N, C-alpha and C. Protein backbone atom coordinates (compact mmCIF):
# COMPACT_ATOMS: atom_id res chain seq x y z
N MET A 1 53.61 -33.92 14.96
CA MET A 1 52.21 -33.82 15.25
C MET A 1 51.43 -33.82 13.94
N GLU A 2 50.51 -34.75 13.83
CA GLU A 2 49.74 -34.89 12.59
C GLU A 2 48.26 -34.76 12.91
N ILE A 3 47.59 -33.87 12.19
CA ILE A 3 46.15 -33.66 12.39
C ILE A 3 45.44 -34.14 11.14
N ARG A 4 44.49 -35.03 11.33
CA ARG A 4 43.73 -35.55 10.20
C ARG A 4 42.26 -35.16 10.35
N HIS A 5 41.74 -34.59 9.29
CA HIS A 5 40.33 -34.21 9.25
C HIS A 5 39.73 -34.72 7.95
N ALA A 6 38.47 -35.03 8.01
CA ALA A 6 37.77 -35.38 6.78
C ALA A 6 37.61 -34.12 5.94
N ARG A 7 37.64 -34.29 4.63
CA ARG A 7 37.51 -33.15 3.72
C ARG A 7 36.19 -32.41 3.95
N SER A 8 35.15 -33.14 4.29
CA SER A 8 33.85 -32.51 4.52
C SER A 8 33.87 -31.62 5.75
N GLN A 9 34.76 -31.88 6.70
CA GLN A 9 34.87 -31.05 7.89
C GLN A 9 35.67 -29.78 7.60
N LEU A 10 36.58 -29.83 6.65
CA LEU A 10 37.41 -28.67 6.35
C LEU A 10 36.69 -27.63 5.50
N ILE A 11 35.85 -28.09 4.59
CA ILE A 11 35.14 -27.19 3.69
C ILE A 11 33.65 -27.30 3.98
N PRO A 12 33.08 -26.29 4.65
CA PRO A 12 31.65 -26.37 4.95
C PRO A 12 30.82 -26.26 3.68
N SER A 13 29.74 -26.98 3.64
CA SER A 13 28.87 -26.98 2.47
C SER A 13 28.01 -25.73 2.47
N SER A 14 28.03 -24.97 1.39
CA SER A 14 27.20 -23.77 1.31
C SER A 14 25.78 -24.12 0.89
N ALA A 15 25.57 -25.27 0.24
CA ALA A 15 24.24 -25.66 -0.21
C ALA A 15 23.49 -26.46 0.85
N LYS A 16 24.15 -26.82 1.94
CA LYS A 16 23.56 -27.57 3.03
C LYS A 16 22.93 -28.88 2.55
N GLY A 17 23.54 -29.49 1.58
CA GLY A 17 23.07 -30.78 1.10
C GLY A 17 21.86 -30.73 0.19
N GLN A 18 21.42 -29.56 -0.20
CA GLN A 18 20.25 -29.47 -1.07
C GLN A 18 20.68 -29.70 -2.52
N PRO A 19 19.92 -30.49 -3.24
CA PRO A 19 20.29 -30.75 -4.64
C PRO A 19 20.00 -29.54 -5.53
N ILE A 20 20.72 -29.47 -6.61
CA ILE A 20 20.49 -28.40 -7.60
C ILE A 20 19.24 -28.77 -8.39
N PRO A 21 18.32 -27.81 -8.56
CA PRO A 21 17.08 -28.12 -9.30
C PRO A 21 17.38 -28.60 -10.72
N GLY A 22 16.56 -29.52 -11.20
CA GLY A 22 16.75 -30.08 -12.54
C GLY A 22 16.68 -29.04 -13.64
N LEU A 23 15.75 -28.10 -13.51
CA LEU A 23 15.61 -27.05 -14.53
C LEU A 23 16.84 -26.14 -14.55
N ALA A 24 17.44 -25.92 -13.39
CA ALA A 24 18.67 -25.13 -13.33
C ALA A 24 19.82 -25.87 -14.01
N LYS A 25 19.86 -27.19 -13.82
CA LYS A 25 20.89 -27.99 -14.50
C LYS A 25 20.70 -27.93 -16.02
N ALA A 26 19.45 -28.03 -16.46
CA ALA A 26 19.16 -27.94 -17.89
C ALA A 26 19.56 -26.57 -18.42
N GLY A 27 19.29 -25.52 -17.65
CA GLY A 27 19.68 -24.17 -18.05
C GLY A 27 21.19 -24.02 -18.16
N ALA A 28 21.92 -24.64 -17.23
CA ALA A 28 23.38 -24.59 -17.30
C ALA A 28 23.89 -25.30 -18.55
N LEU A 29 23.24 -26.39 -18.92
CA LEU A 29 23.61 -27.10 -20.15
C LEU A 29 23.34 -26.23 -21.38
N VAL A 30 22.20 -25.54 -21.38
CA VAL A 30 21.87 -24.64 -22.50
C VAL A 30 22.88 -23.50 -22.57
N ILE A 31 23.30 -22.97 -21.42
CA ILE A 31 24.32 -21.91 -21.41
C ILE A 31 25.62 -22.43 -22.00
N ALA A 32 26.02 -23.64 -21.61
CA ALA A 32 27.27 -24.21 -22.13
C ALA A 32 27.20 -24.40 -23.64
N ILE A 33 26.06 -24.88 -24.13
CA ILE A 33 25.88 -25.04 -25.58
C ILE A 33 25.93 -23.69 -26.27
N GLY A 34 25.27 -22.69 -25.68
CA GLY A 34 25.28 -21.34 -26.25
C GLY A 34 26.66 -20.73 -26.28
N LEU A 35 27.44 -20.95 -25.21
CA LEU A 35 28.80 -20.41 -25.18
C LEU A 35 29.69 -21.08 -26.21
N LEU A 36 29.50 -22.38 -26.39
CA LEU A 36 30.26 -23.09 -27.42
C LEU A 36 29.88 -22.57 -28.80
N ASN A 37 28.57 -22.38 -29.02
CA ASN A 37 28.09 -21.83 -30.28
C ASN A 37 28.65 -20.42 -30.49
N ASP A 38 28.68 -19.63 -29.44
CA ASP A 38 29.20 -18.26 -29.52
C ASP A 38 30.69 -18.27 -29.88
N LEU A 39 31.44 -19.19 -29.26
CA LEU A 39 32.86 -19.31 -29.56
C LEU A 39 33.07 -19.66 -31.04
N VAL A 40 32.28 -20.60 -31.52
CA VAL A 40 32.39 -21.00 -32.93
C VAL A 40 32.02 -19.83 -33.86
N GLU A 41 30.94 -19.13 -33.53
CA GLU A 41 30.48 -18.01 -34.37
C GLU A 41 31.52 -16.89 -34.44
N HIS A 42 32.13 -16.57 -33.30
CA HIS A 42 33.09 -15.47 -33.28
C HIS A 42 34.46 -15.86 -33.82
N THR A 43 34.78 -17.15 -33.77
CA THR A 43 36.14 -17.57 -34.12
C THR A 43 36.26 -18.17 -35.51
N PHE A 44 35.36 -19.08 -35.86
CA PHE A 44 35.57 -19.88 -37.05
C PHE A 44 34.65 -19.56 -38.22
N VAL A 45 33.50 -18.97 -37.99
CA VAL A 45 32.52 -18.75 -39.05
C VAL A 45 32.79 -17.42 -39.74
N SER A 46 32.83 -17.47 -41.06
CA SER A 46 33.00 -16.25 -41.85
C SER A 46 31.64 -15.59 -42.05
N HIS A 47 31.54 -14.33 -41.72
CA HIS A 47 30.28 -13.60 -41.80
C HIS A 47 30.30 -12.55 -42.91
N VAL A 48 31.04 -12.80 -43.98
CA VAL A 48 31.22 -11.82 -45.04
C VAL A 48 29.91 -11.48 -45.74
N HIS A 49 29.12 -12.48 -46.13
CA HIS A 49 27.89 -12.23 -46.89
C HIS A 49 26.64 -12.54 -46.08
N GLU A 50 26.74 -12.56 -44.77
CA GLU A 50 25.59 -12.90 -43.93
C GLU A 50 24.77 -11.64 -43.63
N ALA A 51 23.49 -11.85 -43.41
CA ALA A 51 22.61 -10.74 -43.05
C ALA A 51 23.06 -10.14 -41.72
N VAL A 52 22.96 -8.81 -41.64
CA VAL A 52 23.43 -8.10 -40.46
C VAL A 52 22.25 -7.40 -39.80
N VAL A 53 22.18 -7.53 -38.47
CA VAL A 53 21.16 -6.83 -37.68
C VAL A 53 21.89 -6.06 -36.60
N GLY A 54 21.77 -4.74 -36.60
CA GLY A 54 22.45 -3.93 -35.59
C GLY A 54 23.96 -4.05 -35.65
N SER A 55 24.51 -4.15 -36.82
CA SER A 55 25.95 -4.27 -37.11
C SER A 55 26.57 -5.60 -36.67
N PHE A 56 25.73 -6.56 -36.26
CA PHE A 56 26.22 -7.90 -35.93
C PHE A 56 25.52 -8.93 -36.79
N PRO A 57 26.22 -9.97 -37.21
CA PRO A 57 25.58 -11.03 -38.00
C PRO A 57 24.50 -11.76 -37.20
N VAL A 58 23.54 -12.29 -37.92
CA VAL A 58 22.41 -12.99 -37.29
C VAL A 58 22.88 -14.19 -36.48
N GLY A 59 23.90 -14.89 -36.95
CA GLY A 59 24.42 -16.05 -36.23
C GLY A 59 24.94 -15.70 -34.84
N GLU A 60 25.59 -14.55 -34.71
CA GLU A 60 26.08 -14.12 -33.41
C GLU A 60 24.92 -13.76 -32.49
N HIS A 61 23.91 -13.10 -33.05
CA HIS A 61 22.72 -12.79 -32.24
C HIS A 61 22.06 -14.08 -31.75
N ALA A 62 21.98 -15.09 -32.61
CA ALA A 62 21.36 -16.36 -32.23
C ALA A 62 22.15 -17.03 -31.10
N ALA A 63 23.46 -16.99 -31.19
CA ALA A 63 24.29 -17.59 -30.13
C ALA A 63 24.07 -16.88 -28.80
N HIS A 64 23.98 -15.56 -28.84
CA HIS A 64 23.75 -14.81 -27.61
C HIS A 64 22.35 -15.09 -27.06
N LEU A 65 21.39 -15.26 -27.94
CA LEU A 65 20.02 -15.56 -27.51
C LEU A 65 19.95 -16.92 -26.80
N ILE A 66 20.72 -17.88 -27.28
CA ILE A 66 20.76 -19.20 -26.63
C ILE A 66 21.29 -19.07 -25.21
N VAL A 67 22.33 -18.27 -25.01
CA VAL A 67 22.90 -18.08 -23.68
C VAL A 67 21.88 -17.39 -22.76
N VAL A 68 21.20 -16.38 -23.26
CA VAL A 68 20.19 -15.68 -22.46
C VAL A 68 19.04 -16.62 -22.09
N ALA A 69 18.63 -17.47 -23.03
CA ALA A 69 17.58 -18.44 -22.73
C ALA A 69 18.03 -19.41 -21.64
N GLY A 70 19.29 -19.82 -21.67
CA GLY A 70 19.82 -20.69 -20.62
C GLY A 70 19.82 -20.00 -19.27
N MET A 71 20.18 -18.72 -19.26
CA MET A 71 20.15 -17.96 -18.00
C MET A 71 18.73 -17.87 -17.45
N ALA A 72 17.76 -17.68 -18.33
CA ALA A 72 16.36 -17.62 -17.90
C ALA A 72 15.93 -18.97 -17.32
N LEU A 73 16.35 -20.07 -17.94
CA LEU A 73 16.01 -21.40 -17.42
C LEU A 73 16.59 -21.63 -16.03
N VAL A 74 17.82 -21.21 -15.82
CA VAL A 74 18.44 -21.35 -14.51
C VAL A 74 17.65 -20.56 -13.47
N LEU A 75 17.31 -19.33 -13.81
CA LEU A 75 16.57 -18.48 -12.89
C LEU A 75 15.20 -19.07 -12.56
N VAL A 76 14.48 -19.53 -13.58
CA VAL A 76 13.16 -20.13 -13.37
C VAL A 76 13.29 -21.38 -12.50
N GLY A 77 14.30 -22.19 -12.74
CA GLY A 77 14.50 -23.39 -11.94
C GLY A 77 14.75 -23.08 -10.48
N ILE A 78 15.56 -22.06 -10.21
CA ILE A 78 15.87 -21.69 -8.83
C ILE A 78 14.65 -21.10 -8.14
N VAL A 79 13.92 -20.22 -8.83
CA VAL A 79 12.73 -19.62 -8.24
C VAL A 79 11.66 -20.68 -7.98
N ALA A 80 11.44 -21.57 -8.94
CA ALA A 80 10.43 -22.62 -8.76
C ALA A 80 10.80 -23.53 -7.59
N ASP A 81 12.08 -23.85 -7.45
CA ASP A 81 12.51 -24.69 -6.33
C ASP A 81 12.33 -23.95 -5.01
N GLY A 82 12.60 -22.66 -5.00
CA GLY A 82 12.39 -21.88 -3.78
C GLY A 82 10.93 -21.83 -3.38
N ILE A 83 10.04 -21.68 -4.36
CA ILE A 83 8.61 -21.66 -4.07
C ILE A 83 8.17 -23.03 -3.55
N ARG A 84 8.66 -24.10 -4.18
CA ARG A 84 8.32 -25.45 -3.73
C ARG A 84 8.80 -25.71 -2.31
N SER A 85 10.03 -25.31 -2.01
CA SER A 85 10.57 -25.55 -0.67
C SER A 85 9.85 -24.70 0.38
N GLN A 86 9.41 -23.52 -0.01
CA GLN A 86 8.65 -22.68 0.91
C GLN A 86 7.31 -23.31 1.22
N ARG A 87 6.67 -23.90 0.22
CA ARG A 87 5.39 -24.58 0.43
C ARG A 87 5.57 -25.80 1.33
N ARG A 88 6.70 -26.52 1.13
CA ARG A 88 6.95 -27.71 1.94
C ARG A 88 7.16 -27.34 3.41
N SER A 89 7.87 -26.25 3.65
CA SER A 89 8.16 -25.87 5.04
C SER A 89 6.95 -25.25 5.74
N SER A 90 5.98 -24.74 4.98
CA SER A 90 4.81 -24.13 5.60
C SER A 90 3.75 -25.14 5.99
N ARG A 91 3.90 -26.39 5.54
CA ARG A 91 2.91 -27.44 5.88
C ARG A 91 3.05 -27.91 7.28
């Protein structure tokens, strides 16, 4: 006995076919760049003579700030899309 189903029937879509907002995609890209920068800062960069703020080098703070900015972009993109879709459905 062989049962064949389309992959789309086996795994229900949680997004219901809605596209990911462009600003959220840009934020995800910024997060990825920030994480790569953070990896480089923590692994390969020597911080012996670098300025220190709060016991961490400035370069590490900058890498973390990039990731936080990316998170903010994702959040703004999702909220803006939600507001837009709410306006569309109320018409």
